[in-house]
Amino acid sequence: MAQTQTKKPVQRRLSGVNEFSINIGTENGSGSQTANLTILRAIFKMGIPVSGKNIFPSNIRGLPTWYKIRVSQSGYGGRRKEADIVVAMNPKTFTEDQDDLVEG
């Protein structure tokens, strides 16, 4: 009988106050870009190293769009698959967005 592997949730303790990632899932054309940049700039103006990446597979209004923010006191700018905070505003991708969330 074949064994099925279940996906184990990632468990990770935050290593510090300014070490976390935020994934924001919305719909293209919803005006979320302004809100995303406001969050990014607020963190940056507090003097905390931060990077952001907009992921939009299509420019068609209503299709999924994600914005990923990485806050890293060490200055790391690369995105992480796992997220410490998920803002799931798109019902079509809610389950997928939730799968990226770190347990705990």
N, C-alpha and C. Protein backbone atom coordinates (compact mmCIF):
# COMPACT_ATOMS: atom_id res chain seq x y z
N MET A 1 0.84 -1.17 0.00
CA MET A 1 0.00 0.00 0.00
C MET A 1 0.89 1.24 0.00
N ALA A 2 0.57 2.19 -0.83
CA ALA A 2 1.36 3.42 -0.95
C ALA A 2 1.11 4.32 0.26
N GLN A 3 2.18 4.90 0.74
CA GLN A 3 2.06 5.83 1.85
C GLN A 3 1.82 7.23 1.31
N THR A 4 0.92 7.92 1.96
CA THR A 4 0.70 9.31 1.57
C THR A 4 1.41 10.21 2.56
N GLN A 5 2.02 11.22 2.04
CA GLN A 5 2.72 12.17 2.90
C GLN A 5 1.82 13.36 3.16
N THR A 6 1.69 13.69 4.41
CA THR A 6 0.91 14.87 4.75
C THR A 6 1.87 16.03 4.94
N LYS A 7 1.43 17.19 4.51
CA LYS A 7 2.26 18.38 4.63
C LYS A 7 2.28 18.81 6.09
N LYS A 8 3.46 18.80 6.68
CA LYS A 8 3.60 19.24 8.07
C LYS A 8 3.69 20.76 8.09
N PRO A 9 2.94 21.39 8.99
CA PRO A 9 3.04 22.85 9.07
C PRO A 9 4.43 23.27 9.55
N VAL A 10 4.90 24.35 9.00
CA VAL A 10 6.19 24.88 9.40
C VAL A 10 6.03 25.51 10.77
N GLN A 11 6.89 25.11 11.69
CA GLN A 11 6.88 25.71 13.01
C GLN A 11 8.19 26.44 13.20
N ARG A 12 8.09 27.69 13.55
CA ARG A 12 9.29 28.50 13.69
C ARG A 12 9.02 29.58 14.72
N ARG A 13 9.95 29.74 15.60
CA ARG A 13 9.84 30.84 16.55
C ARG A 13 10.52 32.05 15.93
N LEU A 14 9.91 33.20 16.12
CA LEU A 14 10.53 34.41 15.61
C LEU A 14 11.85 34.62 16.33
N SER A 15 12.89 34.92 15.57
CA SER A 15 14.22 35.05 16.16
C SER A 15 14.45 36.42 16.78
N GLY A 16 13.60 37.36 16.50
CA GLY A 16 13.77 38.69 17.06
C GLY A 16 12.56 39.54 16.77
N VAL A 17 12.56 40.72 17.30
CA VAL A 17 11.43 41.61 17.15
C VAL A 17 11.24 42.02 15.69
N ASN A 18 12.32 42.35 15.01
CA ASN A 18 12.22 42.86 13.65
C ASN A 18 12.62 41.81 12.61
N GLU A 19 12.12 40.60 12.75
CA GLU A 19 12.38 39.51 11.81
C GLU A 19 11.08 38.80 11.51
N PHE A 20 10.35 39.25 10.48
CA PHE A 20 9.10 38.59 10.12
C PHE A 20 8.73 38.92 8.68
N SER A 21 7.76 38.18 8.16
CA SER A 21 7.29 38.45 6.80
C SER A 21 5.77 38.54 6.80
N ILE A 22 5.27 39.37 5.88
CA ILE A 22 3.83 39.59 5.72
C ILE A 22 3.47 39.27 4.28
N ASN A 23 2.46 38.44 4.08
CA ASN A 23 1.93 38.17 2.74
C ASN A 23 0.53 38.76 2.66
N ILE A 24 0.30 39.58 1.64
CA ILE A 24 -1.00 40.23 1.46
C ILE A 24 -1.56 39.76 0.12
N GLY A 25 -2.72 39.10 0.16
CA GLY A 25 -3.36 38.61 -1.06
C GLY A 25 -4.61 39.42 -1.37
N THR A 26 -4.66 40.02 -2.56
CA THR A 26 -5.80 40.85 -2.95
C THR A 26 -6.17 40.56 -4.40
N GLU A 27 -7.08 41.36 -4.94
CA GLU A 27 -7.44 41.29 -6.35
C GLU A 27 -6.79 42.44 -7.09
N ASN A 28 -6.32 42.17 -8.29
CA ASN A 28 -5.73 43.22 -9.12
C ASN A 28 -6.79 44.29 -9.41
N GLY A 29 -6.40 45.54 -9.29
CA GLY A 29 -7.31 46.63 -9.57
C GLY A 29 -8.13 47.08 -8.38
N SER A 30 -7.83 46.53 -7.20
CA SER A 30 -8.61 46.88 -6.00
C SER A 30 -8.06 48.10 -5.27
N GLY A 31 -6.94 48.65 -5.74
CA GLY A 31 -6.33 49.80 -5.07
C GLY A 31 -5.42 49.42 -3.93
N SER A 32 -5.08 48.16 -3.83
CA SER A 32 -4.27 47.68 -2.71
C SER A 32 -2.82 48.14 -2.78
N GLN A 33 -2.33 48.50 -3.95
CA GLN A 33 -0.93 48.91 -4.09
C GLN A 33 -0.61 50.09 -3.17
N THR A 34 -1.50 51.05 -3.08
CA THR A 34 -1.28 52.20 -2.21
C THR A 34 -1.18 51.78 -0.75
N ALA A 35 -2.08 50.90 -0.31
CA ALA A 35 -2.05 50.42 1.07
C ALA A 35 -0.77 49.63 1.35
N ASN A 36 -0.37 48.79 0.40
CA ASN A 36 0.84 47.99 0.56
C ASN A 36 2.07 48.88 0.73
N LEU A 37 2.18 49.89 -0.13
CA LEU A 37 3.33 50.79 -0.04
C LEU A 37 3.30 51.63 1.23
N THR A 38 2.12 51.95 1.73
CA THR A 38 2.00 52.70 2.98
C THR A 38 2.57 51.89 4.14
N ILE A 39 2.24 50.59 4.19
CA ILE A 39 2.79 49.72 5.24
C ILE A 39 4.31 49.64 5.11
N LEU A 40 4.80 49.43 3.89
CA LEU A 40 6.24 49.33 3.65
C LEU A 40 6.96 50.60 4.08
N ARG A 41 6.45 51.75 3.68
CA ARG A 41 7.09 53.03 4.03
C ARG A 41 7.07 53.29 5.53
N ALA A 42 5.97 52.92 6.20
CA ALA A 42 5.88 53.14 7.64
C ALA A 42 6.97 52.35 8.37
N ILE A 43 7.17 51.10 7.98
CA ILE A 43 8.21 50.28 8.60
C ILE A 43 9.59 50.87 8.29
N PHE A 44 9.80 51.27 7.03
CA PHE A 44 11.08 51.85 6.62
C PHE A 44 11.39 53.13 7.39
N LYS A 45 10.39 53.98 7.58
CA LYS A 45 10.60 55.25 8.28
C LYS A 45 10.86 55.06 9.77
N MET A 46 10.57 53.86 10.30
CA MET A 46 10.92 53.55 11.68
C MET A 46 12.38 53.13 11.79
N GLY A 47 13.08 53.08 10.64
CA GLY A 47 14.49 52.72 10.64
C GLY A 47 14.75 51.23 10.59
N ILE A 48 13.75 50.46 10.23
CA ILE A 48 13.89 49.00 10.18
C ILE A 48 14.09 48.59 8.72
N PRO A 49 15.11 47.79 8.43
CA PRO A 49 15.31 47.32 7.05
C PRO A 49 14.10 46.50 6.59
N VAL A 50 13.58 46.83 5.41
CA VAL A 50 12.38 46.18 4.90
C VAL A 50 12.46 46.12 3.38
N SER A 51 11.87 45.08 2.80
CA SER A 51 11.79 44.99 1.34
C SER A 51 10.39 44.50 0.98
N GLY A 52 9.95 44.87 -0.21
CA GLY A 52 8.63 44.46 -0.67
C GLY A 52 8.66 44.02 -2.11
N LYS A 53 7.78 43.11 -2.46
CA LYS A 53 7.70 42.60 -3.82
C LYS A 53 6.24 42.41 -4.20
N ASN A 54 5.83 43.03 -5.29
CA ASN A 54 4.49 42.87 -5.82
C ASN A 54 4.50 41.71 -6.81
N ILE A 55 3.60 40.76 -6.63
CA ILE A 55 3.51 39.61 -7.52
C ILE A 55 2.14 39.64 -8.17
N PHE A 56 2.12 39.93 -9.46
CA PHE A 56 0.84 39.97 -10.16
C PHE A 56 1.00 39.20 -11.46
N PRO A 57 0.45 37.97 -11.48
CA PRO A 57 0.60 37.13 -12.66
C PRO A 57 -0.10 37.69 -13.90
N SER A 58 -1.03 38.60 -13.71
CA SER A 58 -1.76 39.15 -14.84
C SER A 58 -2.15 40.59 -14.53
N ASN A 59 -2.28 41.39 -15.55
CA ASN A 59 -2.75 42.76 -15.37
C ASN A 59 -4.25 42.88 -15.56
N ILE A 60 -4.94 41.75 -15.58
CA ILE A 60 -6.39 41.75 -15.77
C ILE A 60 -7.06 42.02 -14.43
N ARG A 61 -7.93 43.00 -14.41
CA ARG A 61 -8.64 43.39 -13.20
C ARG A 61 -9.39 42.20 -12.61
N GLY A 62 -9.26 42.02 -11.29
CA GLY A 62 -9.99 40.97 -10.59
C GLY A 62 -9.20 39.69 -10.38
N LEU A 63 -8.08 39.52 -11.09
CA LEU A 63 -7.27 38.32 -10.89
C LEU A 63 -6.38 38.50 -9.66
N PRO A 64 -5.89 37.41 -9.08
CA PRO A 64 -5.12 37.49 -7.83
C PRO A 64 -3.83 38.29 -7.96
N THR A 65 -3.51 39.01 -6.90
CA THR A 65 -2.27 39.76 -6.77
C THR A 65 -1.78 39.58 -5.34
N TRP A 66 -0.47 39.44 -5.17
CA TRP A 66 0.10 39.31 -3.83
C TRP A 66 1.17 40.36 -3.64
N TYR A 67 1.31 40.80 -2.41
CA TYR A 67 2.40 41.71 -2.03
C TYR A 67 3.08 41.08 -0.83
N LYS A 68 4.38 40.88 -0.93
CA LYS A 68 5.13 40.22 0.13
C LYS A 68 6.12 41.21 0.72
N ILE A 69 6.05 41.36 2.04
CA ILE A 69 6.93 42.28 2.76
C ILE A 69 7.83 41.45 3.67
N ARG A 70 9.11 41.73 3.63
CA ARG A 70 10.05 41.07 4.54
C ARG A 70 10.71 42.13 5.40
N VAL A 71 10.52 41.99 6.69
CA VAL A 71 11.16 42.86 7.67
C VAL A 71 12.33 42.09 8.24
N SER A 72 13.54 42.66 8.14
CA SER A 72 14.72 41.94 8.59
C SER A 72 15.74 42.91 9.18
N GLN A 73 15.92 42.82 10.48
CA GLN A 73 16.91 43.67 11.15
C GLN A 73 18.30 43.42 10.58
N SER A 74 18.54 42.20 10.07
CA SER A 74 19.84 41.84 9.49
C SER A 74 19.99 42.35 8.06
N GLY A 75 18.92 42.90 7.49
CA GLY A 75 18.99 43.47 6.15
C GLY A 75 18.71 42.50 5.02
N TYR A 76 18.21 41.29 5.33
CA TYR A 76 17.88 40.34 4.27
C TYR A 76 16.71 40.87 3.45
N GLY A 77 16.81 40.77 2.13
CA GLY A 77 15.76 41.31 1.26
C GLY A 77 15.00 40.26 0.49
N GLY A 78 15.50 39.02 0.47
CA GLY A 78 14.83 37.97 -0.29
C GLY A 78 13.52 37.55 0.35
N ARG A 79 12.57 37.16 -0.50
CA ARG A 79 11.27 36.71 0.00
C ARG A 79 11.40 35.34 0.62
N ARG A 80 10.50 35.05 1.55
CA ARG A 80 10.40 33.72 2.14
C ARG A 80 9.06 33.11 1.74
N LYS A 81 9.03 31.80 1.60
CA LYS A 81 7.78 31.11 1.26
C LYS A 81 6.79 31.23 2.42
N GLU A 82 7.29 31.03 3.65
CA GLU A 82 6.43 31.08 4.82
C GLU A 82 6.16 32.53 5.21
N ALA A 83 5.01 32.74 5.83
CA ALA A 83 4.64 34.08 6.29
C ALA A 83 4.27 34.04 7.76
N ASP A 84 4.68 35.05 8.50
CA ASP A 84 4.31 35.16 9.91
C ASP A 84 2.95 35.85 10.04
N ILE A 85 2.62 36.70 9.07
CA ILE A 85 1.34 37.41 9.05
C ILE A 85 0.77 37.27 7.64
N VAL A 86 -0.49 36.87 7.54
CA VAL A 86 -1.16 36.77 6.24
C VAL A 86 -2.41 37.65 6.28
N VAL A 87 -2.52 38.52 5.28
CA VAL A 87 -3.72 39.34 5.10
C VAL A 87 -4.38 38.81 3.83
N ALA A 88 -5.42 38.00 4.00
CA ALA A 88 -6.08 37.33 2.87
C ALA A 88 -7.37 38.07 2.52
N MET A 89 -7.29 38.95 1.53
CA MET A 89 -8.43 39.77 1.13
C MET A 89 -9.13 39.23 -0.12
N ASN A 90 -8.58 38.17 -0.70
CA ASN A 90 -9.15 37.61 -1.92
C ASN A 90 -9.75 36.24 -1.61
N PRO A 91 -11.07 36.10 -1.62
CA PRO A 91 -11.70 34.81 -1.30
C PRO A 91 -11.26 33.67 -2.22
N LYS A 92 -10.87 33.99 -3.46
CA LYS A 92 -10.48 32.96 -4.42
C LYS A 92 -9.16 32.30 -4.05
N THR A 93 -8.30 33.01 -3.33
CA THR A 93 -6.97 32.46 -2.99
C THR A 93 -6.79 32.30 -1.48
N PHE A 94 -7.87 32.37 -0.73
CA PHE A 94 -7.79 32.32 0.73
C PHE A 94 -7.07 31.06 1.22
N THR A 95 -7.44 29.88 0.69
CA THR A 95 -6.84 28.63 1.14
C THR A 95 -5.36 28.58 0.81
N GLU A 96 -4.99 29.00 -0.39
CA GLU A 96 -3.59 29.04 -0.79
C GLU A 96 -2.79 29.99 0.10
N ASP A 97 -3.36 31.15 0.40
CA ASP A 97 -2.69 32.13 1.25
C ASP A 97 -2.51 31.57 2.66
N GLN A 98 -3.51 30.88 3.15
CA GLN A 98 -3.46 30.31 4.50
C GLN A 98 -2.38 29.23 4.60
N ASP A 99 -2.13 28.49 3.52
CA ASP A 99 -1.10 27.45 3.52
C ASP A 99 0.30 28.01 3.74
N ASP A 100 0.52 29.28 3.40
CA ASP A 100 1.83 29.91 3.58
C ASP A 100 2.08 30.36 5.02
N LEU A 101 1.05 30.34 5.84
CA LEU A 101 1.14 30.85 7.21
C LEU A 101 1.91 29.89 8.11
N VAL A 102 2.85 30.44 8.88
CA VAL A 102 3.61 29.66 9.85
C VAL A 102 2.71 29.35 11.03
N GLU A 103 2.73 28.10 11.48
CA GLU A 103 1.91 27.72 12.62
C GLU A 103 2.50 28.31 13.90
N GLY A 104 1.61 28.77 14.76
CA GLY A 104 2.07 29.24 16.07
C GLY A 104 1.78 30.61 16.37
